[in-house]
Amino acid sequence: MRARTPLPAIPLAEAVVPVGAWIAEATAGLVAAVIHGGEAVARWAERRRELTALDRLDDHLLRDIGLDRGDVEMMMRHGGRRF
């Protein structure tokens, strides 16, 4: 039977740190993505509330602020953008 050659020893600190650093970086990226997504949802919800409030105004009040019913309907269809 042939003698086995021992595997080279890898210090534990060198083996764990790169994996740990990768996990920390990946976790930070995931957290940032979740926060960004949450902020986007919050902005969408706020825009939706504002457009709903505009949609409830009568035509006279809309004219007072420089809009008409068609502007509000277009903004509702296009996510709040006025063209």
Protein backbone atom coordinates (compact mmCIF):
# COMPACT_ATOMS: atom_id res chain seq x y z
CA MET A 1 0.00 0.00 0.00
CA ARG A 2 1.28 3.41 -0.97
CA ALA A 3 1.58 6.11 1.63
CA ARG A 4 -0.77 9.01 1.21
CA THR A 5 0.71 12.44 0.90
CA PRO A 6 -0.79 14.82 3.40
CA LEU A 7 -2.90 17.69 2.13
CA PRO A 8 -1.42 21.13 2.58
CA ALA A 9 -2.62 22.84 5.72
CA ILE A 10 -4.70 25.94 5.17
CA PRO A 11 -4.90 28.23 8.14
CA LEU A 12 -8.52 28.52 9.26
CA ALA A 13 -8.47 32.33 9.29
CA GLU A 14 -7.46 32.47 5.61
CA ALA A 15 -10.16 30.01 4.59
CA VAL A 16 -13.00 31.66 6.49
CA VAL A 17 -12.38 35.36 5.92
CA PRO A 18 -12.98 35.41 2.15
CA VAL A 19 -16.21 33.44 2.56
CA GLY A 20 -17.27 35.64 5.45
CA ALA A 21 -16.48 38.78 3.48
CA TRP A 22 -18.46 37.49 0.51
CA ILE A 23 -21.45 36.70 2.71
CA ALA A 24 -21.31 40.15 4.32
CA GLU A 25 -21.12 41.83 0.91
CA ALA A 26 -23.97 39.75 -0.49
CA THR A 27 -26.10 40.43 2.59
CA ALA A 28 -25.44 44.17 2.35
CA GLY A 29 -26.44 44.11 -1.31
CA LEU A 30 -29.64 42.22 -0.53
CA VAL A 31 -30.53 44.61 2.28
CA ALA A 32 -29.92 47.60 -0.01
CA ALA A 33 -32.14 46.05 -2.70
CA VAL A 34 -34.95 45.43 -0.22
CA ILE A 35 -34.72 48.99 1.13
CA HIS A 36 -34.68 50.43 -2.39
CA GLY A 37 -37.68 48.30 -3.33
CA GLY A 38 -39.53 49.41 -0.22
CA GLU A 39 -38.83 53.06 -1.00
CA ALA A 40 -40.12 52.58 -4.55
CA VAL A 41 -43.34 51.02 -3.25
CA ALA A 42 -43.77 53.88 -0.78
CA ARG A 43 -43.31 56.47 -3.56
CA TRP A 44 -45.83 54.62 -5.75
CA ALA A 45 -48.38 54.50 -2.92
CA GLU A 46 -47.95 58.22 -2.20
CA ARG A 47 -48.34 59.09 -5.90
CA ARG A 48 -51.46 56.93 -6.04
CA ARG A 49 -52.99 58.74 -3.02
CA GLU A 50 -52.23 62.12 -4.61
CA LEU A 51 -53.77 61.12 -7.94
CA THR A 52 -56.84 59.73 -6.20
CA ALA A 53 -57.24 63.03 -4.34
CA LEU A 54 -56.96 64.94 -7.64
CA ASP A 55 -59.49 62.62 -9.24
CA ARG A 56 -62.00 63.44 -6.49
CA LEU A 57 -61.79 67.22 -7.10
CA ASP A 58 -64.53 68.81 -9.18
CA ASP A 59 -63.71 70.36 -12.55
CA HIS A 60 -63.84 73.93 -11.20
CA LEU A 61 -61.17 73.20 -8.56
CA LEU A 62 -59.02 71.39 -11.13
CA ARG A 63 -59.15 74.48 -13.40
CA ASP A 64 -58.08 76.62 -10.42
CA ILE A 65 -54.83 74.65 -10.20
CA GLY A 66 -54.26 74.56 -13.94
CA LEU A 67 -55.52 71.04 -14.66
CA ASP A 68 -58.54 69.52 -16.29
CA ARG A 69 -60.21 66.12 -16.00
CA GLY A 70 -58.23 64.81 -19.00
CA ASP A 71 -54.92 65.69 -17.32
CA VAL A 72 -55.88 63.72 -14.23
CA GLU A 73 -57.05 60.74 -16.28
CA MET A 74 -53.81 60.77 -18.29
CA MET A 75 -51.74 60.93 -15.09
CA MET A 76 -53.73 58.02 -13.66
CA ARG A 77 -52.98 55.94 -16.77
CA HIS A 78 -49.30 56.88 -16.95
CA GLY A 79 -48.31 56.57 -13.32
CA GLY A 80 -48.43 60.23 -12.37
CA ARG A 81 -46.48 61.73 -15.26
CA ARG A 82 -48.06 64.74 -16.92
CA PHE A 83 -47.23 64.99 -20.62
